[in-house]
Amino acid sequence: MRRPALARKAAKPRQSRENSAAPAERSGLRARKRQETRERLTRAAMALFLERGFEATTLDDIVAAANVSRRTFFHYFASKEDVVLAWQEDGTAALVAAVAARPASESMLQAAENAIIELVRQLDPREAIALARLKRDNPALQARDQAKYEKMERELADALLKRANHKADRMKARLVAMITTGAMRVGADLWTADGAREKPELFAKRMFAAIRGIFE
């Protein structure tokens, strides 16, 4: 028995919604797979860099460790240096997110300090020392490291300003971001040069106490 014409017409929008949902799901799945591949490449490359050294690690070593092709590598990264930059950018994103999550009652400097303390608890001292040595021995990575801190300073200033609902002075946000990123650079150098013996969160607290002492 045939359905009435009205019933057949009413069913079409539902079918359309079902069809439109499938491409969205496939698109989301592809995005997750791309992110997983990128992370797998980054983890494999960084592990090899820290173990063997940057120059000693070849592209073939990286793709073999990540179980992907050279073509896949170049789909995500233009060079080995780009892998290190991507790994560092993940740290910048984590810092910005941590600052944004701090309570509104905290000042800009307090928010930056507490966000950094929260993040550095996750640091592996041996990995931090190896990474510092890796950057020290490779001029190309030193240049990328400089660019990383410049980008971090800009994004941190924007996050601090956004956290205050843009009611704060942009100059103040930029100054706090500059002080914070500068402290991170100096702190990372001093902490790793000393063998990363002190707990990173305690070192970070001493570092910010020293900053406050400068202005007292």
N, C-alpha and C. Protein backbone atom coordinates (compact mmCIF):
# COMPACT_ATOMS: atom_id res chain seq x y z
N MET A 1 0.85 -1.20 0.00
CA MET A 1 0.00 0.00 0.00
C MET A 1 0.88 1.24 0.00
N ARG A 2 0.60 2.16 -0.91
CA ARG A 2 1.42 3.37 -1.01
C ARG A 2 1.07 4.35 0.10
N ARG A 3 2.13 5.06 0.58
CA ARG A 3 1.89 6.08 1.60
C ARG A 3 1.26 7.30 0.95
N PRO A 4 0.48 8.05 1.70
CA PRO A 4 -0.05 9.31 1.17
C PRO A 4 1.10 10.23 0.78
N ALA A 5 0.85 11.08 -0.21
CA ALA A 5 1.88 11.99 -0.70
C ALA A 5 2.42 12.87 0.40
N LEU A 6 1.56 13.32 1.31
CA LEU A 6 1.98 14.20 2.40
C LEU A 6 2.99 13.50 3.30
N ALA A 7 2.75 12.21 3.56
CA ALA A 7 3.66 11.45 4.42
C ALA A 7 5.01 11.29 3.75
N ARG A 8 4.98 11.04 2.41
CA ARG A 8 6.24 10.89 1.69
C ARG A 8 7.04 12.18 1.74
N LYS A 9 6.39 13.32 1.59
CA LYS A 9 7.09 14.61 1.62
C LYS A 9 7.65 14.90 3.00
N ALA A 10 6.92 14.52 4.03
CA ALA A 10 7.37 14.80 5.39
C ALA A 10 8.62 14.01 5.74
N ALA A 11 8.81 12.86 5.09
CA ALA A 11 9.96 12.02 5.41
C ALA A 11 11.24 12.55 4.82
N LYS A 12 11.16 13.40 3.78
CA LYS A 12 12.36 13.86 3.09
C LYS A 12 13.30 14.68 3.96
N PRO A 13 12.80 15.66 4.74
CA PRO A 13 13.73 16.43 5.57
C PRO A 13 14.52 15.56 6.54
N ARG A 14 13.87 14.52 7.12
CA ARG A 14 14.57 13.65 8.05
C ARG A 14 15.68 12.90 7.33
N GLN A 15 15.40 12.43 6.12
CA GLN A 15 16.41 11.73 5.34
C GLN A 15 17.57 12.65 5.03
N SER A 16 17.25 13.92 4.74
CA SER A 16 18.29 14.90 4.43
C SER A 16 19.20 15.13 5.63
N ARG A 17 18.59 15.22 6.83
CA ARG A 17 19.39 15.43 8.03
C ARG A 17 20.30 14.23 8.29
N GLU A 18 19.78 13.03 8.06
CA GLU A 18 20.58 11.83 8.27
C GLU A 18 21.76 11.79 7.32
N ASN A 19 21.50 12.18 6.06
CA ASN A 19 22.58 12.17 5.07
C ASN A 19 23.63 13.22 5.38
N SER A 20 23.19 14.39 5.91
CA SER A 20 24.14 15.46 6.20
C SER A 20 24.98 15.14 7.42
N ALA A 21 24.47 14.29 8.32
CA ALA A 21 25.22 13.95 9.53
C ALA A 21 26.40 13.05 9.20
N ALA A 22 26.23 12.17 8.22
CA ALA A 22 27.29 11.22 7.89
C ALA A 22 28.57 11.90 7.43
N PRO A 23 28.53 12.86 6.48
CA PRO A 23 29.76 13.55 6.09
C PRO A 23 30.43 14.27 7.26
N ALA A 24 29.63 14.84 8.17
CA ALA A 24 30.20 15.54 9.32
C ALA A 24 30.96 14.57 10.22
N GLU A 25 30.39 13.38 10.41
CA GLU A 25 31.06 12.36 11.22
C GLU A 25 32.35 11.90 10.56
N ARG A 26 32.30 11.71 9.24
CA ARG A 26 33.50 11.29 8.52
C ARG A 26 34.58 12.36 8.58
N SER A 27 34.15 13.62 8.48
CA SER A 27 35.11 14.72 8.55
C SER A 27 35.76 14.78 9.93
N GLY A 28 34.97 14.58 10.98
CA GLY A 28 35.52 14.57 12.33
C GLY A 28 36.49 13.43 12.54
N LEU A 29 36.18 12.27 11.97
CA LEU A 29 37.06 11.11 12.09
C LEU A 29 38.38 11.36 11.38
N ARG A 30 38.31 11.96 10.18
CA ARG A 30 39.54 12.27 9.44
C ARG A 30 40.41 13.25 10.21
N ALA A 31 39.77 14.25 10.84
CA ALA A 31 40.52 15.25 11.60
C ALA A 31 41.23 14.60 12.79
N ARG A 32 40.53 13.68 13.47
CA ARG A 32 41.15 12.98 14.61
C ARG A 32 42.32 12.12 14.15
N LYS A 33 42.16 11.46 13.01
CA LYS A 33 43.24 10.62 12.50
C LYS A 33 44.45 11.46 12.11
N ARG A 34 44.20 12.63 11.50
CA ARG A 34 45.31 13.52 11.15
C ARG A 34 46.05 13.99 12.40
N GLN A 35 45.28 14.34 13.44
CA GLN A 35 45.90 14.79 14.68
C GLN A 35 46.71 13.68 15.33
N GLU A 36 46.17 12.46 15.31
CA GLU A 36 46.88 11.32 15.89
C GLU A 36 48.18 11.05 15.13
N THR A 37 48.14 11.15 13.80
CA THR A 37 49.35 10.93 13.00
C THR A 37 50.38 12.00 13.29
N ARG A 38 49.94 13.24 13.38
CA ARG A 38 50.85 14.35 13.68
C ARG A 38 51.51 14.15 15.04
N GLU A 39 50.72 13.76 16.03
CA GLU A 39 51.27 13.55 17.37
C GLU A 39 52.22 12.36 17.39
N ARG A 40 51.90 11.32 16.63
CA ARG A 40 52.78 10.14 16.58
C ARG A 40 54.13 10.51 15.95
N LEU A 41 54.09 11.29 14.90
CA LEU A 41 55.33 11.75 14.26
C LEU A 41 56.15 12.62 15.22
N THR A 42 55.47 13.52 15.90
CA THR A 42 56.17 14.42 16.83
C THR A 42 56.82 13.64 17.96
N ARG A 43 56.07 12.72 18.56
CA ARG A 43 56.62 11.92 19.67
C ARG A 43 57.81 11.08 19.21
N ALA A 44 57.67 10.45 18.05
CA ALA A 44 58.75 9.60 17.54
C ALA A 44 60.00 10.43 17.25
N ALA A 45 59.82 11.57 16.61
CA ALA A 45 60.96 12.41 16.26
C ALA A 45 61.66 12.96 17.50
N MET A 46 60.88 13.47 18.46
CA MET A 46 61.49 14.05 19.65
C MET A 46 62.22 12.99 20.46
N ALA A 47 61.67 11.79 20.53
CA ALA A 47 62.35 10.71 21.26
C ALA A 47 63.70 10.39 20.61
N LEU A 48 63.73 10.38 19.28
CA LEU A 48 64.99 10.10 18.58
C LEU A 48 65.97 11.26 18.71
N PHE A 49 65.47 12.49 18.63
CA PHE A 49 66.35 13.65 18.78
C PHE A 49 67.04 13.63 20.15
N LEU A 50 66.26 13.35 21.18
CA LEU A 50 66.80 13.37 22.53
C LEU A 50 67.73 12.19 22.79
N GLU A 51 67.49 11.09 22.10
CA GLU A 51 68.32 9.90 22.30
C GLU A 51 69.60 9.94 21.47
N ARG A 52 69.48 10.33 20.20
CA ARG A 52 70.61 10.24 19.27
C ARG A 52 71.24 11.59 18.93
N GLY A 53 70.47 12.66 19.13
CA GLY A 53 70.92 13.97 18.68
C GLY A 53 70.17 14.38 17.43
N PHE A 54 70.07 15.68 17.22
CA PHE A 54 69.28 16.19 16.10
C PHE A 54 69.90 15.83 14.76
N GLU A 55 71.19 16.12 14.61
CA GLU A 55 71.86 15.88 13.33
C GLU A 55 71.96 14.40 13.01
N ALA A 56 72.13 13.57 14.04
CA ALA A 56 72.31 12.13 13.81
C ALA A 56 71.01 11.43 13.44
N THR A 57 69.89 12.07 13.71
CA THR A 57 68.59 11.47 13.40
C THR A 57 68.19 11.81 11.97
N THR A 58 67.93 10.79 11.17
CA THR A 58 67.54 11.01 9.78
C THR A 58 66.03 10.98 9.63
N LEU A 59 65.58 11.47 8.50
CA LEU A 59 64.15 11.43 8.21
C LEU A 59 63.66 9.99 8.14
N ASP A 60 64.48 9.11 7.58
CA ASP A 60 64.10 7.69 7.50
C ASP A 60 63.94 7.10 8.90
N ASP A 61 64.78 7.53 9.84
CA ASP A 61 64.65 7.05 11.22
C ASP A 61 63.28 7.44 11.79
N ILE A 62 62.89 8.68 11.52
CA ILE A 62 61.64 9.20 12.09
C ILE A 62 60.43 8.47 11.52
N VAL A 63 60.39 8.34 10.19
CA VAL A 63 59.20 7.71 9.58
C VAL A 63 59.12 6.23 9.95
N ALA A 64 60.29 5.59 10.12
CA ALA A 64 60.28 4.18 10.53
C ALA A 64 59.74 4.04 11.95
N ALA A 65 60.17 4.95 12.84
CA ALA A 65 59.71 4.89 14.23
C ALA A 65 58.22 5.19 14.35
N ALA A 66 57.73 6.09 13.48
CA ALA A 66 56.31 6.46 13.52
C ALA A 66 55.45 5.55 12.65
N ASN A 67 56.11 4.67 11.88
CA ASN A 67 55.40 3.73 11.00
C ASN A 67 54.55 4.45 9.96
N VAL A 68 55.17 5.47 9.33
CA VAL A 68 54.51 6.19 8.25
C VAL A 68 55.50 6.34 7.09
N SER A 69 55.03 6.87 5.97
CA SER A 69 55.89 7.06 4.81
C SER A 69 56.53 8.45 4.84
N ARG A 70 57.57 8.63 4.02
CA ARG A 70 58.18 9.95 3.88
C ARG A 70 57.16 10.96 3.36
N ARG A 71 56.31 10.51 2.46
CA ARG A 71 55.28 11.39 1.90
C ARG A 71 54.35 11.88 3.01
N THR A 72 54.00 10.99 3.93
CA THR A 72 53.14 11.39 5.05
C THR A 72 53.85 12.41 5.93
N PHE A 73 55.14 12.19 6.17
CA PHE A 73 55.89 13.15 6.99
C PHE A 73 55.79 14.55 6.38
N PHE A 74 56.05 14.67 5.08
CA PHE A 74 56.05 15.98 4.44
C PHE A 74 54.64 16.56 4.29
N HIS A 75 53.64 15.75 4.51
CA HIS A 75 52.27 16.28 4.54
C HIS A 75 52.06 17.11 5.80
N TYR A 76 52.81 16.79 6.87
CA TYR A 76 52.64 17.48 8.15
C TYR A 76 53.76 18.46 8.45
N PHE A 77 54.98 18.15 8.03
CA PHE A 77 56.14 18.97 8.37
C PHE A 77 57.02 19.19 7.15
N ALA A 78 57.62 20.37 7.08
CA ALA A 78 58.51 20.68 5.97
C ALA A 78 59.95 20.25 6.25
N SER A 79 60.29 20.08 7.53
CA SER A 79 61.66 19.74 7.90
C SER A 79 61.70 19.17 9.31
N LYS A 80 62.88 18.69 9.71
CA LYS A 80 63.04 18.21 11.08
C LYS A 80 62.87 19.35 12.08
N GLU A 81 63.36 20.54 11.70
CA GLU A 81 63.22 21.70 12.59
C GLU A 81 61.76 22.00 12.88
N ASP A 82 60.90 21.79 11.89
CA ASP A 82 59.48 22.06 12.07
C ASP A 82 58.85 21.14 13.11
N VAL A 83 59.40 19.94 13.25
CA VAL A 83 58.87 19.01 14.26
C VAL A 83 59.12 19.58 15.65
N VAL A 84 60.34 20.08 15.88
CA VAL A 84 60.67 20.66 17.18
C VAL A 84 59.80 21.88 17.45
N LEU A 85 59.60 22.70 16.42
CA LEU A 85 58.77 23.89 16.57
C LEU A 85 57.34 23.50 16.93
N ALA A 86 56.81 22.48 16.27
CA ALA A 86 55.45 22.03 16.56
C ALA A 86 55.34 21.53 17.99
N TRP A 87 56.35 20.81 18.44
CA TRP A 87 56.35 20.29 19.82
C TRP A 87 56.36 21.44 20.82
N GLN A 88 57.13 22.49 20.51
CA GLN A 88 57.19 23.64 21.40
C GLN A 88 55.89 24.44 21.36
N GLU A 89 55.25 24.50 20.19
CA GLU A 89 53.99 25.22 20.08
C GLU A 89 52.90 24.58 20.93
N ASP A 90 52.98 23.27 21.09
CA ASP A 90 52.02 22.59 21.97
C ASP A 90 52.17 23.11 23.40
N GLY A 91 53.41 23.40 23.81
CA GLY A 91 53.64 23.94 25.14
C GLY A 91 53.07 25.34 25.29
N THR A 92 53.19 26.14 24.24
CA THR A 92 52.61 27.48 24.26
C THR A 92 51.09 27.42 24.39
N ALA A 93 50.48 26.52 23.64
CA ALA A 93 49.02 26.36 23.70
C ALA A 93 48.58 25.93 25.09
N ALA A 94 49.36 25.04 25.71
CA ALA A 94 49.02 24.57 27.06
C ALA A 94 49.12 25.72 28.07
N LEU A 95 50.13 26.58 27.92
CA LEU A 95 50.28 27.71 28.83
C LEU A 95 49.13 28.70 28.68
N VAL A 96 48.78 29.01 27.44
CA VAL A 96 47.67 29.94 27.19
C VAL A 96 46.37 29.39 27.78
N ALA A 97 46.13 28.10 27.61
CA ALA A 97 44.91 27.49 28.15
C ALA A 97 44.92 27.52 29.68
N ALA A 98 46.09 27.27 30.27
CA ALA A 98 46.19 27.27 31.74
C ALA A 98 45.96 28.67 32.30
N VAL A 99 46.46 29.70 31.62
CA VAL A 99 46.24 31.08 32.06
C VAL A 99 44.76 31.43 31.96
N ALA A 100 44.13 31.04 30.87
CA ALA A 100 42.71 31.34 30.68
C ALA A 100 41.84 30.69 31.75
N ALA A 101 42.30 29.57 32.30
CA ALA A 101 41.51 28.84 33.28
C ALA A 101 41.71 29.34 34.71
N ARG A 102 42.63 30.27 34.93
CA ARG A 102 42.88 30.76 36.29
C ARG A 102 41.70 31.62 36.77
N PRO A 103 41.46 31.64 38.10
CA PRO A 103 40.34 32.43 38.64
C PRO A 103 40.47 33.91 38.33
N ALA A 104 39.34 34.56 38.14
CA ALA A 104 39.34 35.98 37.80
C ALA A 104 39.89 36.84 38.94
N SER A 105 39.89 36.31 40.16
CA SER A 105 40.36 37.07 41.32
C SER A 105 41.88 37.25 41.32
N GLU A 106 42.59 36.45 40.53
CA GLU A 106 44.05 36.55 40.49
C GLU A 106 44.49 37.69 39.58
N SER A 107 45.57 38.35 39.98
CA SER A 107 46.14 39.38 39.11
C SER A 107 46.76 38.72 37.89
N MET A 108 47.15 39.52 36.92
CA MET A 108 47.77 38.97 35.71
C MET A 108 49.03 38.18 36.05
N LEU A 109 49.88 38.77 36.90
CA LEU A 109 51.13 38.10 37.24
C LEU A 109 50.87 36.83 38.04
N GLN A 110 49.91 36.88 38.95
CA GLN A 110 49.56 35.68 39.72
C GLN A 110 49.04 34.57 38.81
N ALA A 111 48.21 34.95 37.86
CA ALA A 111 47.65 33.96 36.93
C ALA A 111 48.76 33.31 36.12
N ALA A 112 49.70 34.12 35.63
CA ALA A 112 50.81 33.58 34.85
C ALA A 112 51.68 32.66 35.71
N GLU A 113 51.97 33.11 36.93
CA GLU A 113 52.80 32.30 37.83
C GLU A 113 52.14 30.96 38.14
N ASN A 114 50.88 30.98 38.53
CA ASN A 114 50.20 29.74 38.91
C ASN A 114 50.00 28.80 37.72
N ALA A 115 49.80 29.38 36.54
CA ALA A 115 49.68 28.54 35.34
C ALA A 115 50.99 27.83 35.04
N ILE A 116 52.10 28.55 35.18
CA ILE A 116 53.41 27.96 34.92
C ILE A 116 53.73 26.88 35.95
N ILE A 117 53.44 27.17 37.21
CA ILE A 117 53.69 26.18 38.27
C ILE A 117 52.90 24.90 38.00
N GLU A 118 51.67 25.08 37.55
CA GLU A 118 50.82 23.92 37.24
C GLU A 118 51.42 23.08 36.11
N LEU A 119 51.97 23.75 35.10
CA LEU A 119 52.50 23.04 33.93
C LEU A 119 53.85 22.39 34.20
N VAL A 120 54.73 23.09 34.93
CA VAL A 120 56.09 22.56 35.10
C VAL A 120 56.12 21.31 35.98
N ARG A 121 55.06 21.08 36.74
CA ARG A 121 55.00 19.85 37.54
C ARG A 121 55.09 18.60 36.65
N GLN A 122 54.73 18.77 35.38
CA GLN A 122 54.71 17.63 34.46
C GLN A 122 56.06 17.42 33.76
N LEU A 123 57.03 18.30 34.01
CA LEU A 123 58.32 18.20 33.33
C LEU A 123 59.12 16.98 33.78
N ASP A 124 59.77 16.36 32.82
CA ASP A 124 60.72 15.28 33.09
C ASP A 124 62.11 15.92 33.09
N PRO A 125 62.82 15.95 34.23
CA PRO A 125 64.13 16.61 34.28
C PRO A 125 65.11 16.10 33.24
N ARG A 126 65.16 14.79 33.04
CA ARG A 126 66.11 14.24 32.06
C ARG A 126 65.78 14.70 30.65
N GLU A 127 64.50 14.75 30.34
CA GLU A 127 64.09 15.21 29.01
C GLU A 127 64.39 16.70 28.84
N ALA A 128 64.18 17.48 29.91
CA ALA A 128 64.44 18.92 29.84
C ALA A 128 65.92 19.19 29.60
N ILE A 129 66.79 18.44 30.28
CA ILE A 129 68.23 18.62 30.11
C ILE A 129 68.65 18.24 28.69
N ALA A 130 68.12 17.12 28.20
CA ALA A 130 68.45 16.67 26.85
C ALA A 130 67.99 17.67 25.80
N LEU A 131 66.80 18.24 26.01
CA LEU A 131 66.28 19.22 25.05
C LEU A 131 67.12 20.49 25.08
N ALA A 132 67.54 20.93 26.26
CA ALA A 132 68.39 22.12 26.37
C ALA A 132 69.71 21.89 25.64
N ARG A 133 70.27 20.70 25.79
CA ARG A 133 71.52 20.37 25.10
C ARG A 133 71.30 20.33 23.58
N LEU A 134 70.16 19.79 23.19
CA LEU A 134 69.82 19.69 21.78
C LEU A 134 69.77 21.07 21.13
N LYS A 135 69.12 22.01 21.81
CA LYS A 135 69.00 23.36 21.26
C LYS A 135 70.33 24.10 21.30
N ARG A 136 71.10 23.87 22.35
CA ARG A 136 72.39 24.54 22.48
C ARG A 136 73.35 24.14 21.36
N ASP A 137 73.27 22.90 20.93
CA ASP A 137 74.21 22.38 19.94
C ASP A 137 73.76 22.59 18.50
N ASN A 138 72.58 23.19 18.30
CA ASN A 138 72.05 23.36 16.94
C ASN A 138 71.59 24.79 16.71
N PRO A 139 72.37 25.59 15.97
CA PRO A 139 72.01 26.99 15.72
C PRO A 139 70.62 27.16 15.10
N ALA A 140 70.24 26.24 14.22
CA ALA A 140 68.92 26.35 13.58
C ALA A 140 67.81 26.24 14.62
N LEU A 141 68.01 25.37 15.60
CA LEU A 141 67.00 25.21 16.64
C LEU A 141 67.00 26.40 17.59
N GLN A 142 68.16 27.02 17.78
CA GLN A 142 68.23 28.21 18.63
C GLN A 142 67.39 29.34 18.03
N ALA A 143 67.47 29.49 16.71
CA ALA A 143 66.67 30.51 16.03
C ALA A 143 65.19 30.22 16.18
N ARG A 144 64.82 28.95 16.04
CA ARG A 144 63.41 28.57 16.21
C ARG A 144 62.96 28.78 17.65
N ASP A 145 63.87 28.56 18.59
CA ASP A 145 63.53 28.75 20.00
C ASP A 145 63.24 30.22 20.28
N GLN A 146 64.03 31.10 19.68
CA GLN A 146 63.79 32.54 19.82
C GLN A 146 62.41 32.91 19.28
N ALA A 147 62.08 32.37 18.12
CA ALA A 147 60.78 32.64 17.51
C ALA A 147 59.65 32.10 18.39
N LYS A 148 59.91 30.97 19.04
CA LYS A 148 58.89 30.38 19.92
C LYS A 148 58.54 31.32 21.06
N TYR A 149 59.56 31.91 21.68
CA TYR A 149 59.30 32.80 22.81
C TYR A 149 58.61 34.09 22.37
N GLU A 150 58.94 34.57 21.19
CA GLU A 150 58.27 35.76 20.68
C GLU A 150 56.78 35.48 20.45
N LYS A 151 56.49 34.32 19.89
CA LYS A 151 55.10 33.93 19.66
C LYS A 151 54.38 33.71 20.98
N MET A 152 55.06 33.07 21.93
CA MET A 152 54.47 32.83 23.24
C MET A 152 54.13 34.15 23.93
N GLU A 153 55.02 35.13 23.83
CA GLU A 153 54.76 36.43 24.47
C GLU A 153 53.51 37.08 23.90
N ARG A 154 53.35 37.05 22.58
CA ARG A 154 52.17 37.65 21.96
C ARG A 154 50.89 36.94 22.39
N GLU A 155 50.92 35.61 22.34
CA GLU A 155 49.71 34.85 22.66
C GLU A 155 49.37 34.93 24.15
N LEU A 156 50.40 35.00 24.99
CA LEU A 156 50.16 35.13 26.42
C LEU A 156 49.55 36.49 26.75
N ALA A 157 50.02 37.54 26.10
CA ALA A 157 49.45 38.87 26.31
C ALA A 157 47.98 38.89 25.90
N ASP A 158 47.67 38.27 24.77
CA ASP A 158 46.27 38.21 24.32
C ASP A 158 45.41 37.42 25.31
N ALA A 159 45.96 36.33 25.84
CA ALA A 159 45.20 35.50 26.79
C ALA A 159 44.95 36.26 28.09
N LEU A 160 45.93 37.01 28.55
CA LEU A 160 45.77 37.79 29.78
C LEU A 160 44.72 38.88 29.59
N LEU A 161 44.75 39.50 28.43
CA LEU A 161 43.79 40.57 28.15
C LEU A 161 42.38 40.00 28.01
N LYS A 162 42.26 38.88 27.33
CA LYS A 162 40.95 38.25 27.15
C LYS A 162 40.40 37.78 28.48
N ARG A 163 41.28 37.26 29.33
CA ARG A 163 40.87 36.78 30.65
C ARG A 163 40.25 37.91 31.48
N ALA A 164 40.73 39.13 31.26
CA ALA A 164 40.21 40.30 31.98
C ALA A 164 39.05 40.95 31.22
N ASN A 165 38.51 40.23 30.23
CA ASN A 165 37.40 40.74 29.41
C ASN A 165 37.76 42.06 28.74
N HIS A 166 39.06 42.18 28.39
CA HIS A 166 39.57 43.35 27.67
C HIS A 166 39.39 44.65 28.46
N LYS A 167 39.19 44.53 29.78
CA LYS A 167 39.05 45.72 30.61
C LYS A 167 40.40 46.22 31.11
N ALA A 168 41.40 45.36 31.04
CA ALA A 168 42.72 45.73 31.53
C ALA A 168 43.49 46.53 30.48
N ASP A 169 44.54 47.15 30.93
CA ASP A 169 45.41 47.93 30.05
C ASP A 169 46.23 46.97 29.19
N ARG A 170 46.21 47.17 27.87
CA ARG A 170 46.98 46.30 26.97
C ARG A 170 48.47 46.40 27.28
N MET A 171 48.93 47.58 27.67
CA MET A 171 50.34 47.73 28.01
C MET A 171 50.70 46.82 29.18
N LYS A 172 49.83 46.78 30.19
CA LYS A 172 50.09 45.94 31.35
C LYS A 172 50.13 44.47 30.95
N ALA A 173 49.20 44.06 30.09
CA ALA A 173 49.17 42.66 29.65
C ALA A 173 50.45 42.30 28.90
N ARG A 174 50.91 43.19 28.05
CA ARG A 174 52.13 42.92 27.29
C ARG A 174 53.36 42.90 28.18
N LEU A 175 53.39 43.78 29.18
CA LEU A 175 54.53 43.80 30.09
C LEU A 175 54.59 42.53 30.93
N VAL A 176 53.44 42.09 31.43
CA VAL A 176 53.40 40.85 32.21
C VAL A 176 53.81 39.67 31.33
N ALA A 177 53.34 39.65 30.09
CA ALA A 177 53.71 38.57 29.17
C ALA A 177 55.21 38.59 28.88
N MET A 178 55.77 39.78 28.71
CA MET A 178 57.20 39.91 28.45
C MET A 178 58.02 39.42 29.65
N ILE A 179 57.62 39.84 30.85
CA ILE A 179 58.32 39.42 32.06
C ILE A 179 58.23 37.91 32.24
N THR A 180 57.05 37.37 31.99
CA THR A 180 56.83 35.94 32.18
C THR A 180 57.65 35.10 31.20
N THR A 181 57.61 35.46 29.93
CA THR A 181 58.37 34.68 28.94
C THR A 181 59.87 34.84 29.16
N GLY A 182 60.29 36.04 29.55
CA GLY A 182 61.71 36.24 29.86
C GLY A 182 62.14 35.39 31.04
N ALA A 183 61.28 35.33 32.06
CA ALA A 183 61.58 34.51 33.23
C ALA A 183 61.65 33.03 32.86
N MET A 184 60.79 32.61 31.95
CA MET A 184 60.80 31.21 31.53
C MET A 184 62.10 30.87 30.80
N ARG A 185 62.58 31.79 29.98
CA ARG A 185 63.83 31.55 29.26
C ARG A 185 65.00 31.46 30.23
N VAL A 186 65.10 32.45 31.12
CA VAL A 186 66.19 32.47 32.09
C VAL A 186 66.07 31.27 33.03
N GLY A 187 64.85 31.02 33.49
CA GLY A 187 64.63 29.91 34.41
C GLY A 187 64.99 28.57 33.80
N ALA A 188 64.60 28.36 32.55
CA ALA A 188 64.92 27.09 31.88
C ALA A 188 66.43 26.91 31.75
N ASP A 189 67.13 27.99 31.40
CA ASP A 189 68.59 27.91 31.27
C ASP A 189 69.25 27.58 32.60
N LEU A 190 68.85 28.29 33.66
CA LEU A 190 69.47 28.09 34.97
C LEU A 190 69.12 26.72 35.55
N TRP A 191 67.87 26.32 35.40
CA TRP A 191 67.42 25.05 35.97
C TRP A 191 68.13 23.86 35.33
N THR A 192 68.21 23.87 34.00
CA THR A 192 68.86 22.75 33.31
C THR A 192 70.38 22.79 33.50
N ALA A 193 70.96 24.01 33.56
CA ALA A 193 72.40 24.12 33.77
C ALA A 193 72.81 23.57 35.12
N ASP A 194 71.89 23.63 36.08
CA ASP A 194 72.15 23.11 37.43
C ASP A 194 71.78 21.63 37.55
N GLY A 195 71.50 21.02 36.41
CA GLY A 195 71.18 19.60 36.41
C GLY A 195 69.73 19.29 36.74
N ALA A 196 68.87 20.33 36.73
CA ALA A 196 67.44 20.15 37.02
C ALA A 196 67.23 19.39 38.32
N ARG A 197 68.05 19.71 39.33
CA ARG A 197 67.97 18.98 40.59
C ARG A 197 66.79 19.41 41.46
N GLU A 198 66.46 20.70 41.39
CA GLU A 198 65.35 21.21 42.19
C GLU A 198 64.02 20.89 41.52
N LYS A 199 63.00 20.63 42.32
CA LYS A 199 61.68 20.40 41.74
C LYS A 199 61.29 21.62 40.91
N PRO A 200 60.79 21.40 39.69
CA PRO A 200 60.52 22.55 38.80
C PRO A 200 59.50 23.53 39.37
N GLU A 201 58.49 23.03 40.10
CA GLU A 201 57.50 23.95 40.65
C GLU A 201 58.09 24.83 41.75
N LEU A 202 59.04 24.28 42.53
CA LEU A 202 59.70 25.09 43.56
C LEU A 202 60.63 26.12 42.92
N PHE A 203 61.29 25.70 41.86
CA PHE A 203 62.17 26.64 41.14
C PHE A 203 61.34 27.77 40.55
N ALA A 204 60.17 27.45 40.00
CA ALA A 204 59.30 28.47 39.41
C ALA A 204 58.83 29.46 40.48
N LYS A 205 58.52 28.97 41.66
CA LYS A 205 58.10 29.85 42.75
C LYS A 205 59.23 30.80 43.14
N ARG A 206 60.45 30.28 43.23
CA ARG A 206 61.59 31.13 43.56
C ARG A 206 61.83 32.18 42.47
N MET A 207 61.62 31.76 41.24
CA MET A 207 61.82 32.66 40.11
C MET A 207 60.85 33.85 40.18
N PHE A 208 59.59 33.58 40.45
CA PHE A 208 58.62 34.67 40.53
C PHE A 208 58.81 35.51 41.79
N ALA A 209 59.29 34.89 42.86
CA ALA A 209 59.61 35.66 44.07
C ALA A 209 60.74 36.64 43.76
N ALA A 210 61.70 36.20 42.96
CA ALA A 210 62.80 37.09 42.57
C ALA A 210 62.30 38.24 41.71
N ILE A 211 61.33 37.96 40.84
CA ILE A 211 60.76 39.02 40.00
C ILE A 211 60.10 40.08 40.88
N ARG A 212 59.31 39.63 41.85
CA ARG A 212 58.64 40.59 42.73
C ARG A 212 59.65 41.38 43.56
N GLY A 213 60.75 40.71 43.94
CA GLY A 213 61.77 41.39 44.73
C GLY A 213 62.44 42.52 43.98
N ILE A 214 62.49 42.41 42.66
CA ILE A 214 63.11 43.47 41.86
C ILE A 214 62.37 44.79 42.00
N PHE A 215 61.04 44.71 42.15
CA PHE A 215 60.22 45.92 42.16
C PHE A 215 59.91 46.42 43.56
N GLU A 216 60.42 45.74 44.57
CA GLU A 216 60.15 46.18 45.95
C GLU A 216 61.19 47.18 46.41
